[in-house]
C-alpha atoms as a PDB file:
ATOM      1  CA  MET A   1     -13.138  -6.252  14.091  1.00  0.00           C
ATOM      2  CA  ASN A   2     -15.585  -3.312  13.814  1.00  0.00           C
ATOM      3  CA  ASN A   3     -14.023  -1.208  11.156  1.00  0.00           C
ATOM      4  CA  VAL A   4     -11.942  -3.561   8.956  1.00  0.00           C
ATOM      5  CA  ILE A   5     -13.158  -6.571   6.912  1.00  0.00           C
ATOM      6  CA  ILE A   6     -10.782  -9.327   5.732  1.00  0.00           C
ATOM      7  CA  GLU A   7     -11.745 -11.722   2.973  1.00  0.00           C
ATOM      8  CA  LYS A   8      -9.440 -14.494   1.869  1.00  0.00           C
ATOM      9  CA  GLU A   9      -9.851 -16.321  -1.477  1.00  0.00           C
ATOM     10  CA  ASN A  10      -7.398 -18.211  -3.767  1.00  0.00           C
ATOM     11  CA  GLN A  11      -4.303 -16.840  -2.044  1.00  0.00           C
ATOM     12  CA  ILE A  12      -5.460 -13.311  -2.103  1.00  0.00           C
ATOM     13  CA  ALA A  13      -6.607 -11.305   0.933  1.00  0.00           C
ATOM     14  CA  THR A  14      -8.889  -8.299   0.449  1.00  0.00           C
ATOM     15  CA  VAL A  15      -8.787  -5.792   3.327  1.00  0.00           C
ATOM     16  CA  THR A  16     -11.626  -3.303   3.324  1.00  0.00           C
ATOM     17  CA  ILE A  17     -11.797  -0.297   5.612  1.00  0.00           C
ATOM     18  CA  ASN A  18     -15.501  -0.199   6.570  1.00  0.00           C
ATOM     19  CA  ARG A  19     -16.542   3.218   8.029  1.00  0.00           C
ATOM     20  CA  PRO A  20     -18.668   4.508   5.122  1.00  0.00           C
ATOM     21  CA  GLY A  21     -20.562   7.016   7.419  1.00  0.00           C
ATOM     22  CA  SER A  22     -17.197   8.787   7.921  1.00  0.00           C
ATOM     23  CA  LEU A  23     -15.917   8.161   4.472  1.00  0.00           C
ATOM     24  CA  ASN A  24     -13.567   5.459   6.051  1.00  0.00           C
ATOM     25  CA  ALA A  25     -11.640   8.061   8.075  1.00  0.00           C
ATOM     26  CA  LEU A  26      -8.799   6.696  10.231  1.00  0.00           C
ATOM     27  CA  ASN A  27      -9.439   6.984  14.004  1.00  0.00           C
ATOM     28  CA  LYS A  28      -7.408   5.149  16.672  1.00  0.00           C
ATOM     29  CA  GLU A  29      -9.606   1.992  16.638  1.00  0.00           C
ATOM     30  CA  THR A  30      -9.409   1.702  12.848  1.00  0.00           C
ATOM     31  CA  LEU A  31      -5.599   2.133  12.870  1.00  0.00           C
ATOM     32  CA  GLU A  32      -5.270  -0.499  15.639  1.00  0.00           C
ATOM     33  CA  GLU A  33      -7.442  -2.912  13.585  1.00  0.00           C
ATOM     34  CA  LEU A  34      -5.387  -2.341  10.448  1.00  0.00           C
ATOM     35  CA  LEU A  35      -2.237  -2.930  12.412  1.00  0.00           C
ATOM     36  CA  SER A  36      -3.547  -6.221  13.801  1.00  0.00           C
ATOM     37  CA  CYS A  37      -4.777  -7.260  10.371  1.00  0.00           C
ATOM     38  CA  PHE A  38      -1.427  -6.712   8.581  1.00  0.00           C
ATOM     39  CA  LEU A  39       0.541  -8.343  11.336  1.00  0.00           C
ATOM     40  CA  ASP A  40      -1.611 -11.418  10.996  1.00  0.00           C
ATOM     41  CA  LEU A  41      -1.403 -11.469   7.202  1.00  0.00           C
ATOM     42  CA  SER A  42       2.387 -11.080   7.229  1.00  0.00           C
ATOM     43  CA  GLN A  43       2.528 -14.471   8.971  1.00  0.00           C
ATOM     44  CA  ASP A  44       0.032 -16.243   6.685  1.00  0.00           C
ATOM     45  CA  LEU A  45       1.979 -18.111   4.079  1.00  0.00           C
ATOM     46  CA  SER A  46      -1.190 -19.093   2.237  1.00  0.00           C
ATOM     47  CA  ILE A  47      -1.704 -15.436   1.193  1.00  0.00           C
ATOM     48  CA  ARG A  48       0.446 -14.275  -1.751  1.00  0.00           C
ATOM     49  CA  ALA A  49      -1.032 -10.799  -2.449  1.00  0.00           C
ATOM     50  CA  ILE A  50      -3.158  -8.278  -0.602  1.00  0.00           C
ATOM     51  CA  ILE A  51      -5.670  -5.768  -1.957  1.00  0.00           C
ATOM     52  CA  LEU A  52      -6.365  -2.833   0.385  1.00  0.00           C
ATOM     53  CA  THR A  53      -9.552  -0.769  -0.319  1.00  0.00           C
ATOM     54  CA  GLY A  54     -12.270   1.232   1.274  1.00  0.00           C
ATOM     55  CA  SER A  55     -16.077   0.499   1.471  1.00  0.00           C
ATOM     56  CA  GLY A  56     -18.575   2.379  -0.722  1.00  0.00           C
ATOM     57  CA  GLU A  57     -18.021   4.377  -3.859  1.00  0.00           C
ATOM     58  CA  LYS A  58     -17.043   7.705  -2.316  1.00  0.00           C
ATOM     59  CA  ALA A  59     -13.833   7.069  -0.420  1.00  0.00           C
ATOM     60  CA  PHE A  60     -10.750   4.857  -0.122  1.00  0.00           C
ATOM     61  CA  VAL A  61      -9.883   6.746   3.063  1.00  0.00           C
ATOM     62  CA  ALA A  62     -10.856  10.415   3.295  1.00  0.00           C
ATOM     63  CA  GLY A  63      -8.128  11.041   5.877  1.00  0.00           C
ATOM     64  CA  ALA A  64      -7.477  10.761   9.557  1.00  0.00           C
ATOM     65  CA  ASP A  65     -10.606  11.418  11.638  1.00  0.00           C
ATOM     66  CA  ILE A  66     -10.527  15.195  12.320  1.00  0.00           C
ATOM     67  CA  SER A  67     -13.296  14.973  14.901  1.00  0.00           C
ATOM     68  CA  TYR A  68     -11.102  12.587  16.819  1.00  0.00           C
ATOM     69  CA  MET A  69      -7.927  14.681  16.446  1.00  0.00           C
ATOM     70  CA  GLN A  70      -9.346  18.133  17.195  1.00  0.00           C
ATOM     71  CA  GLN A  71      -9.101  17.872  20.979  1.00  0.00           C
ATOM     72  CA  LEU A  72      -5.807  15.906  21.170  1.00  0.00           C
ATOM     73  CA  SER A  73      -3.120  17.315  23.285  1.00  0.00           C
ATOM     74  CA  THR A  74       0.535  17.448  22.078  1.00  0.00           C
ATOM     75  CA  HIS A  75       1.267  14.301  23.970  1.00  0.00           C
ATOM     76  CA  ASP A  76      -1.809  12.436  22.721  1.00  0.00           C
ATOM     77  CA  SER A  77      -1.167  13.628  19.178  1.00  0.00           C
ATOM     78  CA  ARG A  78       2.366  12.242  19.270  1.00  0.00           C
ATOM     79  CA  ILE A  79       1.010   8.819  20.406  1.00  0.00           C
ATOM     80  CA  PHE A  80      -1.624   9.001  17.573  1.00  0.00           C
ATOM     81  CA  GLY A  81       1.025   9.875  15.002  1.00  0.00           C
ATOM     82  CA  GLN A  82       3.308   7.086  16.207  1.00  0.00           C
ATOM     83  CA  LEU A  83       0.409   4.574  15.818  1.00  0.00           C
ATOM     84  CA  GLY A  84      -0.146   5.867  12.332  1.00  0.00           C
ATOM     85  CA  HIS A  85       3.497   5.555  11.396  1.00  0.00           C
ATOM     86  CA  ARG A  86       3.584   1.994  12.885  1.00  0.00           C
ATOM     87  CA  VAL A  87       0.634   1.038  10.621  1.00  0.00           C
ATOM     88  CA  MET A  88       2.156   2.568   7.484  1.00  0.00           C
ATOM     89  CA  ARG A  89       5.546   0.737   8.172  1.00  0.00           C
ATOM     90  CA  THR A  90       3.653  -2.527   8.783  1.00  0.00           C
ATOM     91  CA  VAL A  91       1.797  -2.253   5.554  1.00  0.00           C
ATOM     92  CA  GLU A  92       5.001  -1.244   3.661  1.00  0.00           C
ATOM     93  CA  ASN A  93       7.004  -4.092   5.160  1.00  0.00           C
ATOM     94  CA  THR A  94       4.374  -6.824   4.885  1.00  0.00           C
ATOM     95  CA  PRO A  95       6.187  -9.594   2.901  1.00  0.00           C
ATOM     96  CA  GLN A  96       3.336  -9.953   0.378  1.00  0.00           C
ATOM     97  CA  PRO A  97       2.754  -7.283  -2.289  1.00  0.00           C
ATOM     98  CA  VAL A  98       0.058  -4.850  -1.232  1.00  0.00           C
ATOM     99  CA  ILE A  99      -2.178  -3.299  -3.890  1.00  0.00           C
ATOM    100  CA  ALA A 100      -4.164  -0.194  -3.066  1.00  0.00           C
ATOM    101  CA  ALA A 101      -7.599  -0.106  -4.822  1.00  0.00           C
ATOM    102  CA  ILE A 102      -8.426   3.567  -4.482  1.00  0.00           C
ATOM    103  CA  ASN A 103     -12.171   4.052  -5.007  1.00  0.00           C
ATOM    104  CA  GLY A 104     -12.734   7.738  -4.375  1.00  0.00           C
ATOM    105  CA  PHE A 105     -11.126  10.119  -1.863  1.00  0.00           C
ATOM    106  CA  ALA A 106      -7.569   9.411  -0.730  1.00  0.00           C
ATOM    107  CA  LEU A 107      -6.739  12.520   1.233  1.00  0.00           C
ATOM    108  CA  GLY A 108      -4.325  13.152   4.170  1.00  0.00           C
ATOM    109  CA  GLY A 109      -3.992   9.869   6.049  1.00  0.00           C
ATOM    110  CA  GLY A 110      -5.747   8.105   3.137  1.00  0.00           C
ATOM    111  CA  CYS A 111      -3.112   9.248   0.689  1.00  0.00           C
ATOM    112  CA  GLU A 112      -0.434   8.201   3.207  1.00  0.00           C
ATOM    113  CA  LEU A 113      -1.972   4.776   3.476  1.00  0.00           C
ATOM    114  CA  ALA A 114      -2.007   4.498  -0.338  1.00  0.00           C
ATOM    115  CA  LEU A 115       1.735   5.647  -0.410  1.00  0.00           C
ATOM    116  CA  ALA A 116       2.626   2.731   2.037  1.00  0.00           C
ATOM    117  CA  CYS A 117       1.264   0.149  -0.506  1.00  0.00           C
ATOM    118  CA  ASP A 118       3.492  -1.299  -3.249  1.00  0.00           C
ATOM    119  CA  MET A 119       1.145  -0.405  -6.096  1.00  0.00           C
ATOM    120  CA  ARG A 120      -1.710   2.110  -6.392  1.00  0.00           C
ATOM    121  CA  PHE A 121      -4.659   1.705  -8.781  1.00  0.00           C
ATOM    122  CA  ALA A 122      -7.414   4.321  -8.891  1.00  0.00           C
ATOM    123  CA  SER A 123     -10.943   4.653  -9.998  1.00  0.00           C
ATOM    124  CA  GLU A 124     -11.793   7.478 -12.423  1.00  0.00           C
ATOM    125  CA  ASN A 125     -13.447   9.437  -9.573  1.00  0.00           C
ATOM    126  CA  ALA A 126     -10.522   9.124  -7.167  1.00  0.00           C
ATOM    127  CA  LYS A 127      -9.027  12.302  -5.634  1.00  0.00           C
ATOM    128  CA  PHE A 128      -5.645  12.661  -3.957  1.00  0.00           C
ATOM    129  CA  GLY A 129      -4.022  15.158  -1.750  1.00  0.00           C
ATOM    130  CA  GLN A 130      -2.249  16.076   1.511  1.00  0.00           C
ATOM    131  CA  PRO A 131      -4.430  18.961   2.695  1.00  0.00           C
ATOM    132  CA  GLU A 132      -3.146  19.054   6.195  1.00  0.00           C
ATOM    133  CA  VAL A 133      -1.693  22.565   5.928  1.00  0.00           C
ATOM    134  CA  SER A 134      -5.211  23.746   5.571  1.00  0.00           C
ATOM    135  CA  LEU A 135      -5.886  22.446   8.963  1.00  0.00           C
ATOM    136  CA  GLY A 136      -2.770  24.048  10.510  1.00  0.00           C
ATOM    137  CA  VAL A 137      -0.749  20.808  10.729  1.00  0.00           C
ATOM    138  CA  VAL A 138       1.729  18.773   8.692  1.00  0.00           C
ATOM    139  CA  PRO A 139       1.111  15.265   7.463  1.00  0.00           C
ATOM    140  CA  GLY A 140       1.524  12.902  10.432  1.00  0.00           C
ATOM    141  CA  PHE A 141       1.690   9.397   8.838  1.00  0.00           C
ATOM    142  CA  GLY A 142       4.693   9.688   6.538  1.00  0.00           C
ATOM    143  CA  GLY A 143       3.397  11.890   3.765  1.00  0.00           C
ATOM    144  CA  THR A 144       6.319  14.349   3.733  1.00  0.00           C
ATOM    145  CA  GLN A 145       8.779  11.324   3.340  1.00  0.00           C
ATOM    146  CA  ARG A 146       7.096   8.865   1.148  1.00  0.00           C
ATOM    147  CA  LEU A 147       5.514  11.331  -1.409  1.00  0.00           C
ATOM    148  CA  PRO A 148       8.867  13.025  -2.435  1.00  0.00           C
ATOM    149  CA  ARG A 149      10.398   9.549  -2.806  1.00  0.00           C
ATOM    150  CA  LEU A 150       7.680   8.506  -5.173  1.00  0.00           C
ATOM    151  CA  ILE A 151       6.953  11.549  -7.421  1.00  0.00           C
ATOM    152  CA  GLY A 152      10.063  13.825  -6.691  1.00  0.00           C
ATOM    153  CA  LYS A 153      10.642  16.756  -4.465  1.00  0.00           C
ATOM    154  CA  GLY A 154       9.183  19.516  -6.587  1.00  0.00           C
ATOM    155  CA  LEU A 155       5.804  17.908  -7.352  1.00  0.00           C
ATOM    156  CA  ALA A 156       5.497  16.632  -3.755  1.00  0.00           C
ATOM    157  CA  SER A 157       6.394  20.018  -2.338  1.00  0.00           C
ATOM    158  CA  GLU A 158       3.650  21.589  -4.499  1.00  0.00           C
ATOM    159  CA  LEU A 159       1.015  19.218  -3.173  1.00  0.00           C
ATOM    160  CA  LEU A 160       2.261  19.451   0.446  1.00  0.00           C
ATOM    161  CA  PHE A 161       2.662  23.159   0.623  1.00  0.00           C
ATOM    162  CA  THR A 162      -0.610  24.127  -1.170  1.00  0.00           C
ATOM    163  CA  GLY A 163      -2.832  21.255   0.115  1.00  0.00           C
ATOM    164  CA  ASN A 164      -4.243  21.064  -3.389  1.00  0.00           C
ATOM    165  CA  ILE A 165      -6.359  18.022  -4.290  1.00  0.00           C
ATOM    166  CA  ILE A 166      -5.808  16.385  -7.667  1.00  0.00           C
ATOM    167  CA  SER A 167      -7.786  14.038  -9.938  1.00  0.00           C
ATOM    168  CA  SER A 168      -6.978  10.466 -10.748  1.00  0.00           C
ATOM    169  CA  GLU A 169      -5.725  11.558 -14.253  1.00  0.00           C
ATOM    170  CA  GLU A 170      -3.301  14.021 -12.718  1.00  0.00           C
ATOM    171  CA  ALA A 171      -2.163  11.395 -10.180  1.00  0.00           C
ATOM    172  CA  LEU A 172      -1.465   9.054 -13.067  1.00  0.00           C
ATOM    173  CA  ARG A 173       0.468  11.731 -15.000  1.00  0.00           C
ATOM    174  CA  ILE A 174       2.771  12.480 -12.066  1.00  0.00           C
ATOM    175  CA  GLY A 175       3.359   8.821 -11.238  1.00  0.00           C
ATOM    176  CA  LEU A 176       1.368   8.762  -7.974  1.00  0.00           C
ATOM    177  CA  VAL A 177      -0.793   5.862  -9.300  1.00  0.00           C
ATOM    178  CA  ASN A 178      -0.007   3.019 -11.730  1.00  0.00           C
ATOM    179  CA  ARG A 179      -3.276   2.890 -13.620  1.00  0.00           C
ATOM    180  CA  VAL A 180      -6.817   4.370 -13.675  1.00  0.00           C
ATOM    181  CA  PHE A 181      -9.852   2.101 -14.064  1.00  0.00           C
ATOM    182  CA  PRO A 182     -13.607   2.810 -14.482  1.00  0.00           C
ATOM    183  CA  GLN A 183     -14.944   2.461 -10.971  1.00  0.00           C
ATOM    184  CA  LYS A 184     -16.930  -0.626 -11.793  1.00  0.00           C
ATOM    185  CA  ASP A 185     -13.779  -2.359 -12.989  1.00  0.00           C
ATOM    186  CA  LEU A 186     -11.361  -1.296 -10.217  1.00  0.00           C
ATOM    187  CA  LEU A 187     -11.490  -4.249  -7.918  1.00  0.00           C
ATOM    188  CA  ALA A 188     -11.643  -6.760 -10.771  1.00  0.00           C
ATOM    189  CA  GLY A 189      -8.595  -5.065 -12.305  1.00  0.00           C
ATOM    190  CA  CYS A 190      -6.677  -5.176  -8.990  1.00  0.00           C
ATOM    191  CA  ARG A 191      -7.638  -8.752  -8.533  1.00  0.00           C
ATOM    192  CA  LYS A 192      -6.349  -9.732 -12.005  1.00  0.00           C
ATOM    193  CA  ILE A 193      -2.947  -8.094 -11.117  1.00  0.00           C
ATOM    194  CA  ALA A 194      -2.962 -10.043  -7.763  1.00  0.00           C
ATOM    195  CA  GLU A 195      -3.730 -13.336  -9.602  1.00  0.00           C
ATOM    196  CA  THR A 196      -0.792 -12.709 -11.826  1.00  0.00           C
ATOM    197  CA  ILE A 197       1.439 -12.203  -8.849  1.00  0.00           C
ATOM    198  CA  CYS A 198       0.114 -15.388  -7.238  1.00  0.00           C
ATOM    199  CA  GLN A 199       1.241 -17.397 -10.288  1.00  0.00           C
ATOM    200  CA  LYS A 200       4.837 -16.461  -9.663  1.00  0.00           C
ATOM    201  CA  GLY A 201       7.336 -17.858  -7.188  1.00  0.00           C
ATOM    202  CA  PRO A 202       6.160 -16.731  -3.792  1.00  0.00           C
ATOM    203  CA  VAL A 203       9.671 -16.577  -2.325  1.00  0.00           C
ATOM    204  CA  ALA A 204      10.963 -14.662  -5.373  1.00  0.00           C
ATOM    205  CA  VAL A 205       8.256 -12.124  -5.146  1.00  0.00           C
ATOM    206  CA  ARG A 206       8.841 -11.556  -1.443  1.00  0.00           C
ATOM    207  CA  LEU A 207      12.540 -11.174  -2.082  1.00  0.00           C
ATOM    208  CA  CYS A 208      11.825  -8.734  -4.877  1.00  0.00           C
ATOM    209  CA  LYS A 209       9.793  -6.550  -2.512  1.00  0.00           C
ATOM    210  CA  GLU A 210      12.585  -6.813   0.100  1.00  0.00           C
ATOM    211  CA  ALA A 211      15.067  -5.690  -2.500  1.00  0.00           C
ATOM    212  CA  VAL A 212      12.996  -2.762  -3.702  1.00  0.00           C
ATOM    213  CA  ASN A 213      12.165  -1.498  -0.250  1.00  0.00           C
ATOM    214  CA  ASN A 214      15.583  -1.861   1.311  1.00  0.00           C
ATOM    215  CA  GLY A 215      17.466  -0.798  -1.817  1.00  0.00           C
ATOM    216  CA  LEU A 216      15.682   2.520  -1.940  1.00  0.00           C
ATOM    217  CA  GLU A 217      17.412   3.430   1.305  1.00  0.00           C
ATOM    218  CA  MET A 218      20.853   2.620  -0.054  1.00  0.00           C
ATOM    219  CA  ASP A 219      23.087   4.096  -2.710  1.00  0.00           C
ATOM    220  CA  LEU A 220      23.132   2.319  -6.045  1.00  0.00           C
ATOM    221  CA  ALA A 221      26.380   0.381  -5.405  1.00  0.00           C
ATOM    222  CA  ARG A 222      25.196  -1.009  -2.065  1.00  0.00           C
ATOM    223  CA  GLY A 223      21.757  -1.676  -3.470  1.00  0.00           C
ATOM    224  CA  CYS A 224      23.237  -3.789  -6.267  1.00  0.00           C
ATOM    225  CA  VAL A 225      25.374  -5.768  -3.803  1.00  0.00           C
ATOM    226  CA  TYR A 226      22.163  -6.349  -1.751  1.00  0.00           C
ATOM    227  CA  GLU A 227      20.450  -7.671  -4.893  1.00  0.00           C
ATOM    228  CA  GLU A 228      23.419  -9.934  -5.658  1.00  0.00           C
ATOM    229  CA  ASN A 229      22.993 -11.584  -2.269  1.00  0.00           C
ATOM    230  CA  LEU A 230      19.283 -12.130  -2.677  1.00  0.00           C
ATOM    231  CA  PHE A 231      19.806 -13.498  -6.183  1.00  0.00           C
ATOM    232  CA  ALA A 232      22.345 -16.084  -4.938  1.00  0.00           C
ATOM    233  CA  LEU A 233      19.856 -16.961  -2.019  1.00  0.00           C
ATOM    234  CA  CYS A 234      17.233 -17.953  -4.543  1.00  0.00           C
ATOM    235  CA  PHE A 235      19.438 -20.767  -5.800  1.00  0.00           C
ATOM    236  CA  ALA A 236      19.136 -22.549  -2.444  1.00  0.00           C
ATOM    237  CA  SER A 237      15.381 -22.923  -3.010  1.00  0.00           C
ATOM    238  CA  ASP A 238      13.239 -25.643  -4.569  1.00  0.00           C
ATOM    239  CA  GLU A 239      11.339 -22.736  -6.196  1.00  0.00           C
ATOM    240  CA  GLN A 240      14.327 -21.888  -8.422  1.00  0.00           C
ATOM    241  CA  GLN A 241      14.673 -25.497  -9.522  1.00  0.00           C
ATOM    242  CA  GLU A 242      10.986 -25.777 -10.371  1.00  0.00           C
ATOM    243  CA  GLY A 243      10.835 -22.470 -12.195  1.00  0.00           C
ATOM    244  CA  MET A 244      13.811 -23.138 -14.456  1.00  0.00           C
ATOM    245  CA  ALA A 245      12.840 -26.712 -15.034  1.00  0.00           C
ATOM    246  CA  ALA A 246       9.337 -25.649 -16.083  1.00  0.00           C
ATOM    247  CA  PHE A 247      10.785 -23.135 -18.483  1.00  0.00           C
ATOM    248  CA  LEU A 248      13.050 -25.649 -20.131  1.00  0.00           C
ATOM    249  CA  GLU A 249      10.269 -28.219 -20.318  1.00  0.00           C
ATOM    250  CA  LYS A 250       7.846 -25.617 -21.808  1.00  0.00           C
ATOM    251  CA  ARG A 251       5.179 -26.045 -19.088  1.00  0.00           C
ATOM    252  CA  ALA A 252       3.706 -23.814 -16.337  1.00  0.00           C
ATOM    253  CA  PRO A 253       5.655 -23.970 -13.068  1.00  0.00           C
ATOM    254  CA  LYS A 254       4.004 -25.553  -9.957  1.00  0.00           C
ATOM    255  CA  PHE A 255       5.294 -23.446  -6.989  1.00  0.00           C
ATOM    256  CA  ALA A 256       4.682 -24.656  -3.532  1.00  0.00           C
ATOM    257  CA  SER A 257       2.810 -22.373  -1.048  1.00  0.00           C
END
């Protein structure tokens, strides 16, 4: 891969978008590499958590590549948007929890990529926004849909309609990010969270992600029934037996990969 770096260590995969000269902007090639990367990771049972970040200290992803998009026809822009949506859905539906380590600008497609992750942790210098209206377009990779679901219609509409860019502190206040770290501590902080996840039952964690993602598309009653079924399914696994035995025996559980 030319634009994406994958590192695997101790059940954690770190995926780094590596286009520092363009602030890690998403062009067609980078989107295709991200898609391939996450499709492969989704099948890798040795990986229990994924950290997604951008290279350098200036940007997570500054956005979709405007120099690439400027000359697109309506037909080509639809194909590009469909690719972007497929990448976001793949990240969102990857069985393992995906942690966004946002080290700088997360604008436009970069903010949308962060929204597709399960958790978002930001450095103090991070900036967030959906400035597409300033370019005469709407967000094309799910921003109009995921942002209101995360922070509510009113706050999302303000960001979407004004194109305003906000600080990491404001993103934390409105619930766009989980936590803010000093930049030097961001990756270590994300890795500590990933390590905690890796200590838990891997099947249970994956089912929790399934319950959250699918339940958000249901009303509460149907979502609770969905959870009931997944809860019962856990009792068919060795993982449940080991977890509860370890609790009663006052020892750390030893979960299989």
